């Protein structure tokens, strides 16, 4: 059995400010019985092998961006291939998946809300079970489950992005109860505005 390790990202700079970064290890065994390990799971065959708490990593001194933005951009680059693969698999615009992740967790795979939603796409326990996500802190599984849920909501509401996003936040039954309109909840309306703003911005940045 051959073991292959794929090098991931690293940061080497002045330790004056710090941010959190994920250090999970992923693994898969290919058809030739070769074991592959990586901390950048850019192939859908990778599965979480070892979950570790966030690590402290340095960011450059004097940066004009916030420490949180540095960590978020790092994770965005790291998980983009998984997001794109899930979006293609479930026929969802990848810009919309990115927009939901930006609003939900800022690309933090260890995010935990006060209501119990977990992971990058902030899956509630019932939603995670419905979509077969055994570990919501497994970023790849969380992204697949959340994207599949988003696909189902789009289908349920005839590809109305505003209603699908509202349902992602408040639940599909809340949207249905309010006559297939965005529920009159301040949190949900702010959430929809945030996601749609991100979505429109990401779509305008697409290469021609």
C-alpha atoms as a PDB file:
ATOM      1  CA  UNK A   1       0.000   0.000   0.000  1.00  0.00           C
ATOM      2  CA  UNK A   2       1.391   3.371  -1.036  1.00  0.00           C
ATOM      3  CA  UNK A   3       0.726   6.523   0.944  1.00  0.00           C
ATOM      4  CA  UNK A   4       0.610   9.906  -0.753  1.00  0.00           C
ATOM      5  CA  UNK A   5       0.431  13.168   1.148  1.00  0.00           C
ATOM      6  CA  UNK A   6      -0.654  16.340  -0.621  1.00  0.00           C
ATOM      7  CA  UNK A   7       0.887  19.481   0.810  1.00  0.00           C
ATOM      8  CA  UNK A   8      -1.594  22.130   1.857  1.00  0.00           C
ATOM      9  CA  UNK A   9      -1.390  25.796   2.589  1.00  0.00           C
ATOM     10  CA  UNK A  10       0.912  27.365   5.128  1.00  0.00           C
ATOM     11  CA  UNK A  11       1.609  30.826   6.457  1.00  0.00           C
ATOM     12  CA  UNK A  12       5.007  32.076   7.534  1.00  0.00           C
ATOM     13  CA  UNK A  13       5.000  35.650   8.701  1.00  0.00           C
ATOM     14  CA  UNK A  14       5.505  37.879  11.709  1.00  0.00           C
ATOM     15  CA  UNK A  15       3.630  36.631  14.778  1.00  0.00           C
ATOM     16  CA  UNK A  16       2.099  39.895  15.869  1.00  0.00           C
ATOM     17  CA  UNK A  17      -1.554  39.303  15.035  1.00  0.00           C
ATOM     18  CA  UNK A  18      -3.217  35.908  14.833  1.00  0.00           C
ATOM     19  CA  UNK A  19      -6.271  34.273  13.286  1.00  0.00           C
ATOM     20  CA  UNK A  20      -7.826  30.837  13.435  1.00  0.00           C
ATOM     21  CA  UNK A  21      -7.407  28.340  10.620  1.00  0.00           C
ATOM     22  CA  UNK A  22      -8.651  24.827  10.088  1.00  0.00           C
ATOM     23  CA  UNK A  23      -6.203  21.895  10.185  1.00  0.00           C
ATOM     24  CA  UNK A  24      -8.404  18.901   9.373  1.00  0.00           C
ATOM     25  CA  UNK A  25      -6.881  15.953   7.533  1.00  0.00           C
ATOM     26  CA  UNK A  26      -8.789  14.154   4.744  1.00  0.00           C
ATOM     27  CA  UNK A  27      -8.164  10.718   3.261  1.00  0.00           C
ATOM     28  CA  UNK A  28      -9.206   8.441   0.424  1.00  0.00           C
ATOM     29  CA  UNK A  29      -7.952   5.145  -1.025  1.00  0.00           C
ATOM     30  CA  UNK A  30      -7.875   4.969  -4.826  1.00  0.00           C
ATOM     31  CA  UNK A  31      -8.419   1.991  -7.142  1.00  0.00           C
ATOM     32  CA  UNK A  32      -4.718   1.094  -6.950  1.00  0.00           C
ATOM     33  CA  UNK A  33      -4.885   0.857  -3.157  1.00  0.00           C
ATOM     34  CA  UNK A  34      -2.931   4.097  -2.798  1.00  0.00           C
ATOM     35  CA  UNK A  35      -3.852   6.084   0.311  1.00  0.00           C
ATOM     36  CA  UNK A  36      -4.058   9.851  -0.204  1.00  0.00           C
ATOM     37  CA  UNK A  37      -3.983  12.390   2.633  1.00  0.00           C
ATOM     38  CA  UNK A  38      -4.474  16.143   2.367  1.00  0.00           C
ATOM     39  CA  UNK A  39      -5.656  19.183   4.278  1.00  0.00           C
ATOM     40  CA  UNK A  40      -7.096  20.590   1.035  1.00  0.00           C
ATOM     41  CA  UNK A  41      -9.814  18.106  -0.055  1.00  0.00           C
ATOM     42  CA  UNK A  42     -10.071  19.078  -3.715  1.00  0.00           C
ATOM     43  CA  UNK A  43     -11.486  15.718  -4.786  1.00  0.00           C
ATOM     44  CA  UNK A  44     -15.012  14.540  -3.782  1.00  0.00           C
ATOM     45  CA  UNK A  45     -13.589  11.132  -2.815  1.00  0.00           C
ATOM     46  CA  UNK A  46     -11.849  12.622   0.209  1.00  0.00           C
ATOM     47  CA  UNK A  47     -13.487  11.967   3.573  1.00  0.00           C
ATOM     48  CA  UNK A  48     -12.629  13.487   6.935  1.00  0.00           C
ATOM     49  CA  UNK A  49      -9.876  11.428   8.578  1.00  0.00           C
ATOM     50  CA  UNK A  50      -8.904  13.602  11.536  1.00  0.00           C
ATOM     51  CA  UNK A  51     -10.651  16.688  12.881  1.00  0.00           C
ATOM     52  CA  UNK A  52      -8.538  19.091  14.887  1.00  0.00           C
ATOM     53  CA  UNK A  53      -9.479  22.313  16.678  1.00  0.00           C
ATOM     54  CA  UNK A  54      -8.691  25.615  14.976  1.00  0.00           C
ATOM     55  CA  UNK A  55      -5.007  26.464  15.011  1.00  0.00           C
ATOM     56  CA  UNK A  56      -3.502  29.875  15.570  1.00  0.00           C
ATOM     57  CA  UNK A  57      -1.716  31.176  12.511  1.00  0.00           C
ATOM     58  CA  UNK A  58      -0.012  34.492  11.880  1.00  0.00           C
ATOM     59  CA  UNK A  59      -1.212  37.204   9.548  1.00  0.00           C
ATOM     60  CA  UNK A  60       0.966  40.054   8.298  1.00  0.00           C
ATOM     61  CA  UNK A  61       1.652  42.991  10.559  1.00  0.00           C
ATOM     62  CA  UNK A  62      -0.050  46.176   9.454  1.00  0.00           C
ATOM     63  CA  UNK A  63      -2.698  44.467   7.331  1.00  0.00           C
ATOM     64  CA  UNK A  64      -5.554  46.816   6.391  1.00  0.00           C
ATOM     65  CA  UNK A  65      -8.026  43.937   6.407  1.00  0.00           C
ATOM     66  CA  UNK A  66      -9.456  42.436   9.578  1.00  0.00           C
ATOM     67  CA  UNK A  67      -7.978  39.273  11.044  1.00  0.00           C
ATOM     68  CA  UNK A  68     -11.311  37.534  10.494  1.00  0.00           C
ATOM     69  CA  UNK A  69     -11.278  38.464   6.813  1.00  0.00           C
ATOM     70  CA  UNK A  70      -7.796  36.971   6.447  1.00  0.00           C
ATOM     71  CA  UNK A  71      -8.943  33.644   7.879  1.00  0.00           C
ATOM     72  CA  UNK A  72     -12.168  33.678   5.864  1.00  0.00           C
ATOM     73  CA  UNK A  73     -10.346  34.293   2.583  1.00  0.00           C
ATOM     74  CA  UNK A  74      -7.949  31.477   3.395  1.00  0.00           C
ATOM     75  CA  UNK A  75     -10.836  29.040   3.906  1.00  0.00           C
ATOM     76  CA  UNK A  76     -12.676  30.351   0.851  1.00  0.00           C
ATOM     77  CA  UNK A  77      -9.730  29.450  -1.370  1.00  0.00           C
ATOM     78  CA  UNK A  78      -9.300  26.148   0.410  1.00  0.00           C
ATOM     79  CA  UNK A  79     -12.876  24.947  -0.026  1.00  0.00           C
ATOM     80  CA  UNK A  80     -13.794  26.521  -3.372  1.00  0.00           C
ATOM     81  CA  UNK A  81     -13.246  23.325  -5.357  1.00  0.00           C
ATOM     82  CA  UNK A  82     -15.554  21.374  -3.019  1.00  0.00           C
ATOM     83  CA  UNK A  83     -18.200  24.105  -3.264  1.00  0.00           C
ATOM     84  CA  UNK A  84     -17.979  24.114  -7.051  1.00  0.00           C
ATOM     85  CA  UNK A  85     -18.203  20.311  -7.220  1.00  0.00           C
ATOM     86  CA  UNK A  86     -21.274  20.214  -4.956  1.00  0.00           C
ATOM     87  CA  UNK A  87     -22.910  23.047  -6.901  1.00  0.00           C
ATOM     88  CA  UNK A  88     -22.381  21.204 -10.169  1.00  0.00           C
ATOM     89  CA  UNK A  89     -23.612  17.908  -8.727  1.00  0.00           C
ATOM     90  CA  UNK A  90     -26.864  19.424  -7.450  1.00  0.00           C
ATOM     91  CA  UNK A  91     -27.282  21.998 -10.248  1.00  0.00           C
ATOM     92  CA  UNK A  92     -27.106  25.066  -8.013  1.00  0.00           C
ATOM     93  CA  UNK A  93     -25.358  28.271  -9.032  1.00  0.00           C
ATOM     94  CA  UNK A  94     -21.995  28.129  -7.192  1.00  0.00           C
ATOM     95  CA  UNK A  95     -22.238  31.880  -6.582  1.00  0.00           C
ATOM     96  CA  UNK A  96     -25.405  31.250  -4.551  1.00  0.00           C
ATOM     97  CA  UNK A  97     -23.729  28.528  -2.487  1.00  0.00           C
ATOM     98  CA  UNK A  98     -20.823  30.882  -1.797  1.00  0.00           C
ATOM     99  CA  UNK A  99     -23.248  33.664  -0.868  1.00  0.00           C
ATOM    100  CA  UNK A 100     -25.056  31.429   1.644  1.00  0.00           C
ATOM    101  CA  UNK A 101     -21.765  30.310   3.175  1.00  0.00           C
ATOM    102  CA  UNK A 102     -20.558  33.910   3.433  1.00  0.00           C
ATOM    103  CA  UNK A 103     -23.743  34.878   5.278  1.00  0.00           C
ATOM    104  CA  UNK A 104     -23.941  31.752   7.432  1.00  0.00           C
ATOM    105  CA  UNK A 105     -20.389  31.262   8.656  1.00  0.00           C
ATOM    106  CA  UNK A 106     -17.921  33.394   6.719  1.00  0.00           C
ATOM    107  CA  UNK A 107     -16.294  30.111   5.575  1.00  0.00           C
ATOM    108  CA  UNK A 108     -15.686  28.980   9.155  1.00  0.00           C
ATOM    109  CA  UNK A 109     -16.094  25.159   9.252  1.00  0.00           C
ATOM    110  CA  UNK A 110     -16.179  25.238  13.063  1.00  0.00           C
ATOM    111  CA  UNK A 111     -19.029  27.734  13.327  1.00  0.00           C
ATOM    112  CA  UNK A 112     -21.680  26.993  15.958  1.00  0.00           C
ATOM    113  CA  UNK A 113     -24.767  29.159  16.402  1.00  0.00           C
ATOM    114  CA  UNK A 114     -26.707  29.744  19.601  1.00  0.00           C
ATOM    115  CA  UNK A 115     -29.562  27.717  18.035  1.00  0.00           C
ATOM    116  CA  UNK A 116     -27.348  24.666  17.436  1.00  0.00           C
ATOM    117  CA  UNK A 117     -26.620  25.127  13.723  1.00  0.00           C
ATOM    118  CA  UNK A 118     -23.150  23.885  12.893  1.00  0.00           C
ATOM    119  CA  UNK A 119     -20.468  24.007  10.262  1.00  0.00           C
ATOM    120  CA  UNK A 120     -19.837  26.051   7.175  1.00  0.00           C
ATOM    121  CA  UNK A 121     -23.449  26.019   5.929  1.00  0.00           C
ATOM    122  CA  UNK A 122     -24.882  26.073   9.461  1.00  0.00           C
ATOM    123  CA  UNK A 123     -26.958  22.908   9.286  1.00  0.00           C
ATOM    124  CA  UNK A 124     -29.470  22.304  12.047  1.00  0.00           C
ATOM    125  CA  UNK A 125     -29.313  18.759  13.490  1.00  0.00           C
ATOM    126  CA  UNK A 126     -32.577  17.675  11.820  1.00  0.00           C
ATOM    127  CA  UNK A 127     -31.434  19.005   8.444  1.00  0.00           C
ATOM    128  CA  UNK A 128     -28.058  17.297   8.789  1.00  0.00           C
ATOM    129  CA  UNK A 129     -29.784  13.975   9.518  1.00  0.00           C
ATOM    130  CA  UNK A 130     -32.192  14.456   6.613  1.00  0.00           C
ATOM    131  CA  UNK A 131     -29.290  14.813   4.198  1.00  0.00           C
ATOM    132  CA  UNK A 132     -27.051  12.155   5.699  1.00  0.00           C
ATOM    133  CA  UNK A 133     -24.455  14.479   7.208  1.00  0.00           C
ATOM    134  CA  UNK A 134     -23.066  12.485  10.122  1.00  0.00           C
ATOM    135  CA  UNK A 135     -20.526  15.137  11.154  1.00  0.00           C
ATOM    136  CA  UNK A 136     -21.465  18.738  10.426  1.00  0.00           C
ATOM    137  CA  UNK A 137     -17.912  19.814  11.224  1.00  0.00           C
ATOM    138  CA  UNK A 138     -16.727  17.776   8.241  1.00  0.00           C
ATOM    139  CA  UNK A 139     -16.625  20.725   5.856  1.00  0.00           C
ATOM    140  CA  UNK A 140     -16.978  18.658   2.679  1.00  0.00           C
ATOM    141  CA  UNK A 141     -20.001  16.745   4.012  1.00  0.00           C
ATOM    142  CA  UNK A 142     -21.530  19.952   5.366  1.00  0.00           C
ATOM    143  CA  UNK A 143     -21.176  21.679   1.996  1.00  0.00           C
ATOM    144  CA  UNK A 144     -22.709  18.752   0.134  1.00  0.00           C
ATOM    145  CA  UNK A 145     -25.639  18.516   2.551  1.00  0.00           C
ATOM    146  CA  UNK A 146     -26.260  22.258   2.588  1.00  0.00           C
ATOM    147  CA  UNK A 147     -26.062  22.537  -1.198  1.00  0.00           C
ATOM    148  CA  UNK A 148     -28.474  19.634  -1.630  1.00  0.00           C
ATOM    149  CA  UNK A 149     -30.882  21.288   0.807  1.00  0.00           C
ATOM    150  CA  UNK A 150     -30.592  24.559  -1.096  1.00  0.00           C
ATOM    151  CA  UNK A 151     -31.335  22.697  -4.342  1.00  0.00           C
ATOM    152  CA  UNK A 152     -34.475  21.182  -2.826  1.00  0.00           C
ATOM    153  CA  UNK A 153     -35.652  24.596  -1.617  1.00  0.00           C
ATOM    154  CA  UNK A 154     -35.138  26.107  -5.060  1.00  0.00           C
ATOM    155  CA  UNK A 155     -37.206  23.309  -6.581  1.00  0.00           C
ATOM    156  CA  UNK A 156     -39.888  23.714  -3.907  1.00  0.00           C
ATOM    157  CA  UNK A 157     -40.265  27.438  -4.608  1.00  0.00           C
ATOM    158  CA  UNK A 158     -39.998  27.311  -8.422  1.00  0.00           C
ATOM    159  CA  UNK A 159     -36.415  28.623  -8.506  1.00  0.00           C
ATOM    160  CA  UNK A 160     -37.373  31.783  -6.640  1.00  0.00           C
ATOM    161  CA  UNK A 161     -34.003  32.550  -5.070  1.00  0.00           C
ATOM    162  CA  UNK A 162     -35.417  35.003  -2.522  1.00  0.00           C
ATOM    163  CA  UNK A 163     -37.921  32.456  -1.187  1.00  0.00           C
ATOM    164  CA  UNK A 164     -35.372  29.618  -1.194  1.00  0.00           C
ATOM    165  CA  UNK A 165     -32.931  31.749   0.792  1.00  0.00           C
ATOM    166  CA  UNK A 166     -35.697  32.795   3.204  1.00  0.00           C
ATOM    167  CA  UNK A 167     -36.590  29.127   3.692  1.00  0.00           C
ATOM    168  CA  UNK A 168     -32.938  28.270   4.312  1.00  0.00           C
ATOM    169  CA  UNK A 169     -33.013  30.695   7.231  1.00  0.00           C
ATOM    170  CA  UNK A 170     -36.542  30.331   8.610  1.00  0.00           C
ATOM    171  CA  UNK A 171     -37.556  26.905   7.298  1.00  0.00           C
ATOM    172  CA  UNK A 172     -39.709  26.008   4.332  1.00  0.00           C
ATOM    173  CA  UNK A 173     -42.865  25.755   6.453  1.00  0.00           C
ATOM    174  CA  UNK A 174     -42.522  29.384   7.544  1.00  0.00           C
ATOM    175  CA  UNK A 175     -42.441  30.517   3.917  1.00  0.00           C
ATOM    176  CA  UNK A 176     -45.437  28.342   3.058  1.00  0.00           C
ATOM    177  CA  UNK A 177     -47.417  29.560   6.109  1.00  0.00           C
ATOM    178  CA  UNK A 178     -46.914  33.158   5.000  1.00  0.00           C
ATOM    179  CA  UNK A 179     -48.411  32.578   1.582  1.00  0.00           C
ATOM    180  CA  UNK A 180     -45.164  31.826  -0.231  1.00  0.00           C
ATOM    181  CA  UNK A 181     -43.761  35.179   0.807  1.00  0.00           C
ATOM    182  CA  UNK A 182     -40.663  36.060   2.806  1.00  0.00           C
ATOM    183  CA  UNK A 183     -41.740  35.720   6.455  1.00  0.00           C
ATOM    184  CA  UNK A 184     -42.069  39.026   8.329  1.00  0.00           C
ATOM    185  CA  UNK A 185     -39.183  38.215  10.645  1.00  0.00           C
ATOM    186  CA  UNK A 186     -36.486  40.876  10.962  1.00  0.00           C
ATOM    187  CA  UNK A 187     -33.726  38.253  11.104  1.00  0.00           C
ATOM    188  CA  UNK A 188     -34.964  36.477   7.977  1.00  0.00           C
ATOM    189  CA  UNK A 189     -35.451  39.660   5.967  1.00  0.00           C
ATOM    190  CA  UNK A 190     -31.988  40.911   6.916  1.00  0.00           C
ATOM    191  CA  UNK A 191     -30.580  37.496   6.037  1.00  0.00           C
ATOM    192  CA  UNK A 192     -32.218  37.458   2.611  1.00  0.00           C
ATOM    193  CA  UNK A 193     -30.932  40.954   1.866  1.00  0.00           C
ATOM    194  CA  UNK A 194     -27.427  39.943   2.910  1.00  0.00           C
ATOM    195  CA  UNK A 195     -27.341  36.744   0.850  1.00  0.00           C
ATOM    196  CA  UNK A 196     -28.814  38.395  -2.253  1.00  0.00           C
ATOM    197  CA  UNK A 197     -26.297  41.247  -1.981  1.00  0.00           C
ATOM    198  CA  UNK A 198     -23.430  38.737  -1.773  1.00  0.00           C
ATOM    199  CA  UNK A 199     -24.945  36.702  -4.614  1.00  0.00           C
ATOM    200  CA  UNK A 200     -25.306  39.641  -6.971  1.00  0.00           C
ATOM    201  CA  UNK A 201     -21.794  40.817  -6.187  1.00  0.00           C
ATOM    202  CA  UNK A 202     -20.305  37.390  -6.855  1.00  0.00           C
ATOM    203  CA  UNK A 203     -22.188  37.039 -10.133  1.00  0.00           C
ATOM    204  CA  UNK A 204     -20.899  40.377 -11.422  1.00  0.00           C
ATOM    205  CA  UNK A 205     -17.318  39.274 -10.663  1.00  0.00           C
ATOM    206  CA  UNK A 206     -17.540  36.177 -12.855  1.00  0.00           C
ATOM    207  CA  UNK A 207     -15.102  36.084 -15.763  1.00  0.00           C
ATOM    208  CA  UNK A 208     -16.673  36.698 -19.157  1.00  0.00           C
END
